[in-house]
PDB file of N, CA and C in Angstrom:
ATOM      1  N   MET A   1     -23.888  -9.598 -11.410  1.00  0.00           N
ATOM      2  CA  MET A   1     -22.444  -9.513 -11.317  1.00  0.00           C
ATOM      3  C   MET A   1     -22.091  -8.416 -10.342  1.00  0.00           C
ATOM      4  N   ILE A   2     -21.052  -8.645  -9.548  1.00  0.00           N
ATOM      5  CA  ILE A   2     -20.548  -7.666  -8.591  1.00  0.00           C
ATOM      6  C   ILE A   2     -19.139  -7.276  -9.061  1.00  0.00           C
ATOM      7  N   VAL A   3     -18.861  -5.971  -9.108  1.00  0.00           N
ATOM      8  CA  VAL A   3     -17.563  -5.471  -9.509  1.00  0.00           C
ATOM      9  C   VAL A   3     -16.967  -4.733  -8.326  1.00  0.00           C
ATOM     10  N   THR A   4     -15.727  -5.098  -8.005  1.00  0.00           N
ATOM     11  CA  THR A   4     -14.972  -4.407  -6.978  1.00  0.00           C
ATOM     12  C   THR A   4     -13.800  -3.686  -7.631  1.00  0.00           C
ATOM     13  N   VAL A   5     -13.666  -2.405  -7.275  1.00  0.00           N
ATOM     14  CA  VAL A   5     -12.554  -1.605  -7.809  1.00  0.00           C
ATOM     15  C   VAL A   5     -11.681  -1.254  -6.583  1.00  0.00           C
ATOM     16  N   PHE A   6     -10.452  -1.716  -6.635  1.00  0.00           N
ATOM     17  CA  PHE A   6      -9.487  -1.492  -5.561  1.00  0.00           C
ATOM     18  C   PHE A   6      -8.417  -0.553  -6.077  1.00  0.00           C
ATOM     19  N   ARG A   7      -8.356   0.656  -5.542  1.00  0.00           N
ATOM     20  CA  ARG A   7      -7.366   1.672  -5.923  1.00  0.00           C
ATOM     21  C   ARG A   7      -6.368   1.810  -4.795  1.00  0.00           C
ATOM     22  N   SER A   8      -5.069   1.812  -5.107  1.00  0.00           N
ATOM     23  CA  SER A   8      -4.068   1.891  -4.058  1.00  0.00           C
ATOM     24  C   SER A   8      -2.805   2.569  -4.520  1.00  0.00           C
ATOM     25  N   ARG A   9      -2.054   3.024  -3.545  1.00  0.00           N
ATOM     26  CA  ARG A   9      -0.724   3.588  -3.791  1.00  0.00           C
ATOM     27  C   ARG A   9       0.275   2.832  -2.935  1.00  0.00           C
ATOM     28  N   PRO A  10       1.174   2.111  -3.577  1.00  0.00           N
ATOM     29  CA  PRO A  10       2.174   1.351  -2.800  1.00  0.00           C
ATOM     30  C   PRO A  10       3.165   2.275  -2.103  1.00  0.00           C
ATOM     31  N   ASN A  11       3.616   1.805  -0.977  1.00  0.00           N
ATOM     32  CA  ASN A  11       4.718   2.447  -0.248  1.00  0.00           C
ATOM     33  C   ASN A  11       5.981   2.243  -1.081  1.00  0.00           C
ATOM     34  N   PRO A  12       6.707   3.312  -1.449  1.00  0.00           N
ATOM     35  CA  PRO A  12       7.888   3.108  -2.311  1.00  0.00           C
ATOM     36  C   PRO A  12       8.906   2.143  -1.744  1.00  0.00           C
ATOM     37  N   ALA A  13       8.975   2.052  -0.427  1.00  0.00           N
ATOM     38  CA  ALA A  13       9.939   1.142   0.205  1.00  0.00           C
ATOM     39  C   ALA A  13       9.570  -0.348   0.053  1.00  0.00           C
ATOM     40  N   THR A  14       8.295  -0.593  -0.236  1.00  0.00           N
ATOM     41  CA  THR A  14       7.841  -1.991  -0.310  1.00  0.00           C
ATOM     42  C   THR A  14       7.160  -2.325  -1.617  1.00  0.00           C
ATOM     43  N   THR A  15       7.414  -1.544  -2.668  1.00  0.00           N
ATOM     44  CA  THR A  15       6.715  -1.731  -3.925  1.00  0.00           C
ATOM     45  C   THR A  15       6.965  -3.137  -4.512  1.00  0.00           C
ATOM     46  N   ALA A  16       8.175  -3.620  -4.456  1.00  0.00           N
ATOM     47  CA  ALA A  16       8.501  -4.925  -5.036  1.00  0.00           C
ATOM     48  C   ALA A  16       7.728  -6.018  -4.312  1.00  0.00           C
ATOM     49  N   GLU A  17       7.622  -5.937  -2.983  1.00  0.00           N
ATOM     50  CA  GLU A  17       6.845  -6.937  -2.219  1.00  0.00           C
ATOM     51  C   GLU A  17       5.344  -6.820  -2.587  1.00  0.00           C
ATOM     52  N   PHE A  18       4.858  -5.597  -2.702  1.00  0.00           N
ATOM     53  CA  PHE A  18       3.482  -5.360  -3.099  1.00  0.00           C
ATOM     54  C   PHE A  18       3.170  -6.004  -4.439  1.00  0.00           C
ATOM     55  N   VAL A  19       4.035  -5.794  -5.408  1.00  0.00           N
ATOM     56  CA  VAL A  19       3.851  -6.355  -6.744  1.00  0.00           C
ATOM     57  C   VAL A  19       3.820  -7.879  -6.691  1.00  0.00           C
ATOM     58  N   ALA A  20       4.689  -8.478  -5.899  1.00  0.00           N
ATOM     59  CA  ALA A  20       4.697  -9.945  -5.767  1.00  0.00           C
ATOM     60  C   ALA A  20       3.414 -10.446  -5.128  1.00  0.00           C
ATOM     61  N   TRP A  21       2.960  -9.802  -4.069  1.00  0.00           N
ATOM     62  CA  TRP A  21       1.718 -10.196  -3.429  1.00  0.00           C
ATOM     63  C   TRP A  21       0.525  -9.965  -4.360  1.00  0.00           C
ATOM     64  N   ASN A  22       0.556  -8.878  -5.126  1.00  0.00           N
ATOM     65  CA  ASN A  22      -0.522  -8.628  -6.090  1.00  0.00           C
ATOM     66  C   ASN A  22      -0.592  -9.754  -7.103  1.00  0.00           C
ATOM     67  N   ALA A  23       0.511 -10.224  -7.596  1.00  0.00           N
ATOM     68  CA  ALA A  23       0.517 -11.345  -8.547  1.00  0.00           C
ATOM     69  C   ALA A  23      -0.047 -12.621  -7.876  1.00  0.00           C
ATOM     70  N   ARG A  24       0.343 -12.882  -6.644  1.00  0.00           N
ATOM     71  CA  ARG A  24      -0.169 -14.040  -5.938  1.00  0.00           C
ATOM     72  C   ARG A  24      -1.679 -13.978  -5.725  1.00  0.00           C
ATOM     73  N   MET A  25      -2.181 -12.809  -5.388  1.00  0.00           N
ATOM     74  CA  MET A  25      -3.620 -12.650  -5.170  1.00  0.00           C
ATOM     75  C   MET A  25      -4.390 -12.744  -6.479  1.00  0.00           C
ATOM     76  N   SER A  26      -3.804 -12.268  -7.551  1.00  0.00           N
ATOM     77  CA  SER A  26      -4.423 -12.402  -8.845  1.00  0.00           C
ATOM     78  C   SER A  26      -4.593 -13.876  -9.233  1.00  0.00           C
ATOM     79  N   ALA A  27      -3.529 -14.651  -9.030  1.00  0.00           N
ATOM     80  CA  ALA A  27      -3.577 -16.069  -9.357  1.00  0.00           C
ATOM     81  C   ALA A  27      -4.587 -16.760  -8.470  1.00  0.00           C
ATOM     82  N   LEU A  28      -4.640 -16.404  -7.190  1.00  0.00           N
ATOM     83  CA  LEU A  28      -5.596 -17.012  -6.272  1.00  0.00           C
ATOM     84  C   LEU A  28      -7.049 -16.657  -6.622  1.00  0.00           C
ATOM     85  N   ALA A  29      -7.231 -15.381  -6.990  1.00  0.00           N
ATOM     86  CA  ALA A  29      -8.577 -14.919  -7.364  1.00  0.00           C
ATOM     87  C   ALA A  29      -9.147 -15.728  -8.536  1.00  0.00           C
ATOM     88  N   HIS A  30      -8.285 -16.076  -9.488  1.00  0.00           N
ATOM     89  CA  HIS A  30      -8.740 -16.841 -10.634  1.00  0.00           C
ATOM     90  C   HIS A  30      -9.229 -18.250 -10.265  1.00  0.00           C
ATOM     91  N   THR A  31      -8.883 -18.745  -9.078  1.00  0.00           N
ATOM     92  CA  THR A  31      -9.322 -20.066  -8.666  1.00  0.00           C
ATOM     93  C   THR A  31     -10.596 -20.055  -7.837  1.00  0.00           C
ATOM     94  N   MET A  32     -11.077 -18.877  -7.496  1.00  0.00           N
ATOM     95  CA  MET A  32     -12.226 -18.756  -6.586  1.00  0.00           C
ATOM     96  C   MET A  32     -13.528 -19.054  -7.313  1.00  0.00           C
ATOM     97  N   PRO A  33     -14.447 -19.721  -6.613  1.00  0.00           N
ATOM     98  CA  PRO A  33     -15.803 -19.932  -7.188  1.00  0.00           C
ATOM     99  C   PRO A  33     -16.445 -18.564  -7.482  1.00  0.00           C
ATOM    100  N   GLY A  34     -17.138 -18.501  -8.604  1.00  0.00           N
ATOM    101  CA  GLY A  34     -17.793 -17.279  -8.973  1.00  0.00           C
ATOM    102  C   GLY A  34     -16.927 -16.280  -9.677  1.00  0.00           C
ATOM    103  N   HIS A  35     -15.613 -16.609  -9.849  1.00  0.00           N
ATOM    104  CA  HIS A  35     -14.670 -15.665 -10.486  1.00  0.00           C
ATOM    105  C   HIS A  35     -15.063 -15.445 -11.950  1.00  0.00           C
ATOM    106  N   LEU A  36     -15.106 -14.193 -12.341  1.00  0.00           N
ATOM    107  CA  LEU A  36     -15.327 -13.871 -13.773  1.00  0.00           C
ATOM    108  C   LEU A  36     -14.084 -13.211 -14.356  1.00  0.00           C
ATOM    109  N   SER A  37     -13.473 -12.284 -13.633  1.00  0.00           N
ATOM    110  CA  SER A  37     -12.237 -11.671 -14.108  1.00  0.00           C
ATOM    111  C   SER A  37     -11.549 -10.934 -12.947  1.00  0.00           C
ATOM    112  N   HIS A  38     -10.267 -10.740 -13.124  1.00  0.00           N
ATOM    113  CA  HIS A  38      -9.436 -10.055 -12.120  1.00  0.00           C
ATOM    114  C   HIS A  38      -8.258  -9.478 -12.828  1.00  0.00           C
ATOM    115  N   LYS A  39      -8.145  -8.162 -12.858  1.00  0.00           N
ATOM    116  CA  LYS A  39      -7.048  -7.501 -13.569  1.00  0.00           C
ATOM    117  C   LYS A  39      -6.516  -6.341 -12.749  1.00  0.00           C
ATOM    118  N   SER A  40      -5.193  -6.147 -12.806  1.00  0.00           N
ATOM    119  CA  SER A  40      -4.557  -5.006 -12.134  1.00  0.00           C
ATOM    120  C   SER A  40      -3.758  -4.187 -13.154  1.00  0.00           C
ATOM    121  N   PHE A  41      -3.770  -2.899 -12.917  1.00  0.00           N
ATOM    122  CA  PHE A  41      -3.057  -1.988 -13.780  1.00  0.00           C
ATOM    123  C   PHE A  41      -2.342  -0.962 -12.928  1.00  0.00           C
ATOM    124  N   CYS A  42      -1.201  -0.470 -13.408  1.00  0.00           N
ATOM    125  CA  CYS A  42      -0.511   0.614 -12.722  1.00  0.00           C
ATOM    126  C   CYS A  42      -0.602   1.852 -13.629  1.00  0.00           C
ATOM    127  N   ALA A  43      -1.140   2.924 -13.114  1.00  0.00           N
ATOM    128  CA  ALA A  43      -1.271   4.175 -13.865  1.00  0.00           C
ATOM    129  C   ALA A  43       0.049   4.916 -13.887  1.00  0.00           C
ATOM    130  N   ALA A  44       0.169   5.853 -14.818  1.00  0.00           N
ATOM    131  CA  ALA A  44       1.406   6.621 -14.929  1.00  0.00           C
ATOM    132  C   ALA A  44       1.744   7.397 -13.675  1.00  0.00           C
ATOM    133  N   ASP A  45       0.755   7.732 -12.832  1.00  0.00           N
ATOM    134  CA  ASP A  45       1.021   8.474 -11.622  1.00  0.00           C
ATOM    135  C   ASP A  45       1.393   7.553 -10.430  1.00  0.00           C
ATOM    136  N   GLY A  46       1.497   6.231 -10.685  1.00  0.00           N
ATOM    137  CA  GLY A  46       1.883   5.296  -9.648  1.00  0.00           C
ATOM    138  C   GLY A  46       0.707   4.642  -8.918  1.00  0.00           C
ATOM    139  N   GLU A  47      -0.507   5.046  -9.204  1.00  0.00           N
ATOM    140  CA  GLU A  47      -1.651   4.423  -8.572  1.00  0.00           C
ATOM    141  C   GLU A  47      -1.932   3.064  -9.243  1.00  0.00           C
ATOM    142  N   TRP A  48      -2.205   2.053  -8.405  1.00  0.00           N
ATOM    143  CA  TRP A  48      -2.626   0.756  -8.887  1.00  0.00           C
ATOM    144  C   TRP A  48      -4.126   0.653  -8.837  1.00  0.00           C
ATOM    145  N   VAL A  49      -4.703   0.042  -9.895  1.00  0.00           N
ATOM    146  CA  VAL A  49      -6.115  -0.198  -9.939  1.00  0.00           C
ATOM    147  C   VAL A  49      -6.363  -1.658 -10.229  1.00  0.00           C
ATOM    148  N   THR A  50      -7.107  -2.310  -9.396  1.00  0.00           N
ATOM    149  CA  THR A  50      -7.483  -3.699  -9.573  1.00  0.00           C
ATOM    150  C   THR A  50      -8.994  -3.770  -9.718  1.00  0.00           C
ATOM    151  N   VAL A  51      -9.459  -4.431 -10.767  1.00  0.00           N
ATOM    152  CA  VAL A  51     -10.888  -4.601 -11.020  1.00  0.00           C
ATOM    153  C   VAL A  51     -11.180  -6.127 -10.895  1.00  0.00           C
ATOM    154  N   VAL A  52     -12.118  -6.457 -10.029  1.00  0.00           N
ATOM    155  CA  VAL A  52     -12.514  -7.849  -9.828  1.00  0.00           C
ATOM    156  C   VAL A  52     -13.981  -7.996 -10.135  1.00  0.00           C
ATOM    157  N   GLU A  53     -14.335  -8.988 -10.976  1.00  0.00           N
ATOM    158  CA  GLU A  53     -15.701  -9.309 -11.271  1.00  0.00           C
ATOM    159  C   GLU A  53     -16.037 -10.685 -10.718  1.00  0.00           C
ATOM    160  N   LEU A  54     -17.040 -10.747  -9.881  1.00  0.00           N
ATOM    161  CA  LEU A  54     -17.494 -12.003  -9.297  1.00  0.00           C
ATOM    162  C   LEU A  54     -19.025 -12.126  -9.545  1.00  0.00           C
ATOM    163  N   GLU A  55     -19.498 -13.372  -9.548  1.00  0.00           N
ATOM    164  CA  GLU A  55     -20.911 -13.581  -9.897  1.00  0.00           C
ATOM    165  C   GLU A  55     -21.886 -12.986  -8.891  1.00  0.00           C
ATOM    166  N   THR A  56     -21.639 -13.196  -7.583  1.00  0.00           N
ATOM    167  CA  THR A  56     -22.631 -12.815  -6.576  1.00  0.00           C
ATOM    168  C   THR A  56     -21.924 -12.166  -5.361  1.00  0.00           C
ATOM    169  N   GLU A  57     -22.750 -11.553  -4.528  1.00  0.00           N
ATOM    170  CA  GLU A  57     -22.259 -10.978  -3.299  1.00  0.00           C
ATOM    171  C   GLU A  57     -21.692 -12.054  -2.375  1.00  0.00           C
ATOM    172  N   ALA A  58     -22.264 -13.253  -2.413  1.00  0.00           N
ATOM    173  CA  ALA A  58     -21.729 -14.378  -1.584  1.00  0.00           C
ATOM    174  C   ALA A  58     -20.326 -14.719  -2.066  1.00  0.00           C
ATOM    175  N   HIS A  59     -20.052 -14.652  -3.362  1.00  0.00           N
ATOM    176  CA  HIS A  59     -18.697 -14.914  -3.872  1.00  0.00           C
ATOM    177  C   HIS A  59     -17.724 -13.803  -3.404  1.00  0.00           C
ATOM    178  N   VAL A  60     -18.211 -12.556  -3.343  1.00  0.00           N
ATOM    179  CA  VAL A  60     -17.395 -11.465  -2.874  1.00  0.00           C
ATOM    180  C   VAL A  60     -17.034 -11.705  -1.415  1.00  0.00           C
ATOM    181  N   ARG A  61     -18.007 -12.079  -0.586  1.00  0.00           N
ATOM    182  CA  ARG A  61     -17.731 -12.335   0.830  1.00  0.00           C
ATOM    183  C   ARG A  61     -16.756 -13.476   0.993  1.00  0.00           C
ATOM    184  N   ALA A  62     -16.881 -14.529   0.186  1.00  0.00           N
ATOM    185  CA  ALA A  62     -15.959 -15.665   0.250  1.00  0.00           C
ATOM    186  C   ALA A  62     -14.547 -15.213  -0.101  1.00  0.00           C
ATOM    187  N   TRP A  63     -14.402 -14.396  -1.119  1.00  0.00           N
ATOM    188  CA  TRP A  63     -13.092 -13.889  -1.488  1.00  0.00           C
ATOM    189  C   TRP A  63     -12.497 -13.028  -0.372  1.00  0.00           C
ATOM    190  N   ALA A  64     -13.319 -12.151   0.196  1.00  0.00           N
ATOM    191  CA  ALA A  64     -12.835 -11.269   1.303  1.00  0.00           C
ATOM    192  C   ALA A  64     -12.408 -12.105   2.503  1.00  0.00           C
ATOM    193  N   ALA A  65     -13.021 -13.244   2.718  1.00  0.00           N
ATOM    194  CA  ALA A  65     -12.756 -14.059   3.905  1.00  0.00           C
ATOM    195  C   ALA A  65     -11.668 -15.105   3.682  1.00  0.00           C
ATOM    196  N   HIS A  66     -11.179 -15.253   2.456  1.00  0.00           N
ATOM    197  CA  HIS A  66     -10.139 -16.234   2.174  1.00  0.00           C
ATOM    198  C   HIS A  66      -8.880 -15.919   3.040  1.00  0.00           C
ATOM    199  N   PRO A  67      -8.308 -16.891   3.745  1.00  0.00           N
ATOM    200  CA  PRO A  67      -7.200 -16.615   4.635  1.00  0.00           C
ATOM    201  C   PRO A  67      -5.993 -15.937   3.995  1.00  0.00           C
ATOM    202  N   GLN A  68      -5.629 -16.365   2.801  1.00  0.00           N
ATOM    203  CA  GLN A  68      -4.461 -15.726   2.123  1.00  0.00           C
ATOM    204  C   GLN A  68      -4.784 -14.303   1.729  1.00  0.00           C
ATOM    205  N   HIS A  69      -6.038 -14.065   1.290  1.00  0.00           N
ATOM    206  CA  HIS A  69      -6.468 -12.734   0.938  1.00  0.00           C
ATOM    207  C   HIS A  69      -6.493 -11.848   2.169  1.00  0.00           C
ATOM    208  N   GLN A  70      -6.955 -12.382   3.299  1.00  0.00           N
ATOM    209  CA  GLN A  70      -6.956 -11.631   4.544  1.00  0.00           C
ATOM    210  C   GLN A  70      -5.518 -11.254   4.963  1.00  0.00           C
ATOM    211  N   GLU A  71      -4.597 -12.168   4.746  1.00  0.00           N
ATOM    212  CA  GLU A  71      -3.169 -11.897   5.052  1.00  0.00           C
ATOM    213  C   GLU A  71      -2.682 -10.757   4.198  1.00  0.00           C
ATOM    214  N   ALA A  72      -2.999 -10.795   2.908  1.00  0.00           N
ATOM    215  CA  ALA A  72      -2.598  -9.731   1.974  1.00  0.00           C
ATOM    216  C   ALA A  72      -3.263  -8.395   2.356  1.00  0.00           C
ATOM    217  N   GLN A  73      -4.508  -8.408   2.817  1.00  0.00           N
ATOM    218  CA  GLN A  73      -5.187  -7.200   3.232  1.00  0.00           C
ATOM    219  C   GLN A  73      -4.450  -6.577   4.437  1.00  0.00           C
ATOM    220  N   ALA A  74      -4.115  -7.404   5.415  1.00  0.00           N
ATOM    221  CA  ALA A  74      -3.430  -6.969   6.612  1.00  0.00           C
ATOM    222  C   ALA A  74      -2.070  -6.346   6.251  1.00  0.00           C
ATOM    223  N   LEU A  75      -1.320  -7.032   5.387  1.00  0.00           N
ATOM    224  CA  LEU A  75      -0.021  -6.520   4.966  1.00  0.00           C
ATOM    225  C   LEU A  75      -0.171  -5.210   4.224  1.00  0.00           C
ATOM    226  N   GLY A  76      -1.199  -5.131   3.385  1.00  0.00           N
ATOM    227  CA  GLY A  76      -1.470  -3.849   2.656  1.00  0.00           C
ATOM    228  C   GLY A  76      -1.658  -2.708   3.624  1.00  0.00           C
ATOM    229  N   ARG A  77      -2.521  -2.920   4.628  1.00  0.00           N
ATOM    230  CA  ARG A  77      -2.789  -1.846   5.587  1.00  0.00           C
ATOM    231  C   ARG A  77      -1.563  -1.493   6.432  1.00  0.00           C
ATOM    232  N   SER A  78      -0.765  -2.527   6.840  1.00  0.00           N
ATOM    233  CA  SER A  78       0.335  -2.272   7.773  1.00  0.00           C
ATOM    234  C   SER A  78       1.644  -1.925   7.069  1.00  0.00           C
ATOM    235  N   THR A  79       1.845  -2.376   5.846  1.00  0.00           N
ATOM    236  CA  THR A  79       3.183  -2.291   5.242  1.00  0.00           C
ATOM    237  C   THR A  79       3.204  -1.766   3.825  1.00  0.00           C
ATOM    238  N   PHE A  80       2.404  -2.349   2.961  1.00  0.00           N
ATOM    239  CA  PHE A  80       2.552  -2.136   1.519  1.00  0.00           C
ATOM    240  C   PHE A  80       1.975  -0.855   0.971  1.00  0.00           C
ATOM    241  N   LEU A  81       0.932  -0.322   1.582  1.00  0.00           N
ATOM    242  CA  LEU A  81       0.174   0.773   0.978  1.00  0.00           C
ATOM    243  C   LEU A  81       0.232   2.060   1.790  1.00  0.00           C
ATOM    244  N   THR A  82       0.324   3.177   1.070  1.00  0.00           N
ATOM    245  CA  THR A  82       0.196   4.475   1.740  1.00  0.00           C
ATOM    246  C   THR A  82      -1.249   4.931   1.782  1.00  0.00           C
ATOM    247  N   GLU A  83      -2.014   4.436   0.848  1.00  0.00           N
ATOM    248  CA  GLU A  83      -3.482   4.732   0.807  1.00  0.00           C
ATOM    249  C   GLU A  83      -4.175   3.727  -0.083  1.00  0.00           C
ATOM    250  N   TYR A  84      -5.467   3.566   0.153  1.00  0.00           N
ATOM    251  CA  TYR A  84      -6.288   2.696  -0.713  1.00  0.00           C
ATOM    252  C   TYR A  84      -7.741   3.100  -0.620  1.00  0.00           C
ATOM    253  N   ARG A  85      -8.535   2.658  -1.587  1.00  0.00           N
ATOM    254  CA  ARG A  85      -9.976   2.852  -1.593  1.00  0.00           C
ATOM    255  C   ARG A  85     -10.573   1.639  -2.310  1.00  0.00           C
ATOM    256  N   ILE A  86     -11.632   1.115  -1.743  1.00  0.00           N
ATOM    257  CA  ILE A  86     -12.340  -0.028  -2.307  1.00  0.00           C
ATOM    258  C   ILE A  86     -13.744   0.335  -2.590  1.00  0.00           C
ATOM    259  N   GLN A  87     -14.247   0.078  -3.777  1.00  0.00           N
ATOM    260  CA  GLN A  87     -15.618   0.318  -4.142  1.00  0.00           C
ATOM    261  C   GLN A  87     -16.169  -0.992  -4.666  1.00  0.00           C
ATOM    262  N   THR A  88     -17.333  -1.416  -4.104  1.00  0.00           N
ATOM    263  CA  THR A  88     -17.975  -2.651  -4.562  1.00  0.00           C
ATOM    264  C   THR A  88     -19.372  -2.250  -5.073  1.00  0.00           C
ATOM    265  N   CYS A  89     -19.638  -2.661  -6.337  1.00  0.00           N
ATOM    266  CA  CYS A  89     -20.843  -2.214  -7.014  1.00  0.00           C
ATOM    267  C   CYS A  89     -21.554  -3.406  -7.689  1.00  0.00           C
ATOM    268  N   GLU A  90     -22.848  -3.341  -7.728  1.00  0.00           N
ATOM    269  CA  GLU A  90     -23.629  -4.324  -8.473  1.00  0.00           C
ATOM    270  C   GLU A  90     -23.822  -3.776  -9.893  1.00  0.00           C
ATOM    271  N   VAL A  91     -23.584  -4.603 -10.873  1.00  0.00           N
ATOM    272  CA  VAL A  91     -23.756  -4.182 -12.242  1.00  0.00           C
ATOM    273  C   VAL A  91     -25.233  -4.068 -12.574  1.00  0.00           C
ATOM    274  N   VAL A  92     -25.642  -2.889 -13.044  1.00  0.00           N
ATOM    275  CA  VAL A  92     -27.053  -2.650 -13.381  1.00  0.00           C
ATOM    276  C   VAL A  92     -27.255  -2.893 -14.863  1.00  0.00           C
ATOM    277  N   ARG A  93     -26.275  -2.506 -15.646  1.00  0.00           N
ATOM    278  CA  ARG A  93     -26.382  -2.611 -17.078  1.00  0.00           C
ATOM    279  C   ARG A  93     -24.995  -2.915 -17.643  1.00  0.00           C
ATOM    280  N   GLN A  94     -24.972  -3.693 -18.713  1.00  0.00           N
ATOM    281  CA  GLN A  94     -23.702  -4.041 -19.361  1.00  0.00           C
ATOM    282  C   GLN A  94     -23.917  -4.058 -20.845  1.00  0.00           C
ATOM    283  N   HIS A  95     -22.988  -3.486 -21.568  1.00  0.00           N
ATOM    284  CA  HIS A  95     -22.987  -3.520 -23.041  1.00  0.00           C
ATOM    285  C   HIS A  95     -21.622  -4.009 -23.467  1.00  0.00           C
ATOM    286  N   GLN A  96     -21.586  -4.787 -24.513  1.00  0.00           N
ATOM    287  CA  GLN A  96     -20.303  -5.231 -25.042  1.00  0.00           C
ATOM    288  C   GLN A  96     -20.456  -5.606 -26.506  1.00  0.00           C
ATOM    289  N   SER A  97     -19.334  -5.619 -27.196  1.00  0.00           N
ATOM    290  CA  SER A  97     -19.326  -6.019 -28.593  1.00  0.00           C
ATOM    291  C   SER A  97     -19.094  -7.520 -28.650  1.00  0.00           C
ATOM    292  N   PRO A  98     -19.349  -8.156 -29.783  1.00  0.00           N
ATOM    293  CA  PRO A  98     -19.177  -9.602 -29.902  1.00  0.00           C
ATOM    294  C   PRO A  98     -17.844 -10.139 -29.614  1.00  0.00           C
TER     295      PRO A  98
END
């Protein structure tokens, strides 16, 4: 499993548009092959955190290359975000309750 953590700070002037695009990307992510989970949260300090779980690196590359996702990425860099950080990690160990 591959986990991507996307941390960002929306531009206050475009937060509403960012939230709308975030919802669209979440819905789209759920339709992607290899999708396991996709969740976004807004912290008290205004930082957004999105955690995406996909089955393989190939699924991650397919998600990154999706045309609508690329459009969202470009808008994020040019308009919606004041900063962001993306970390992509392979799960080495997982524990969970029933």
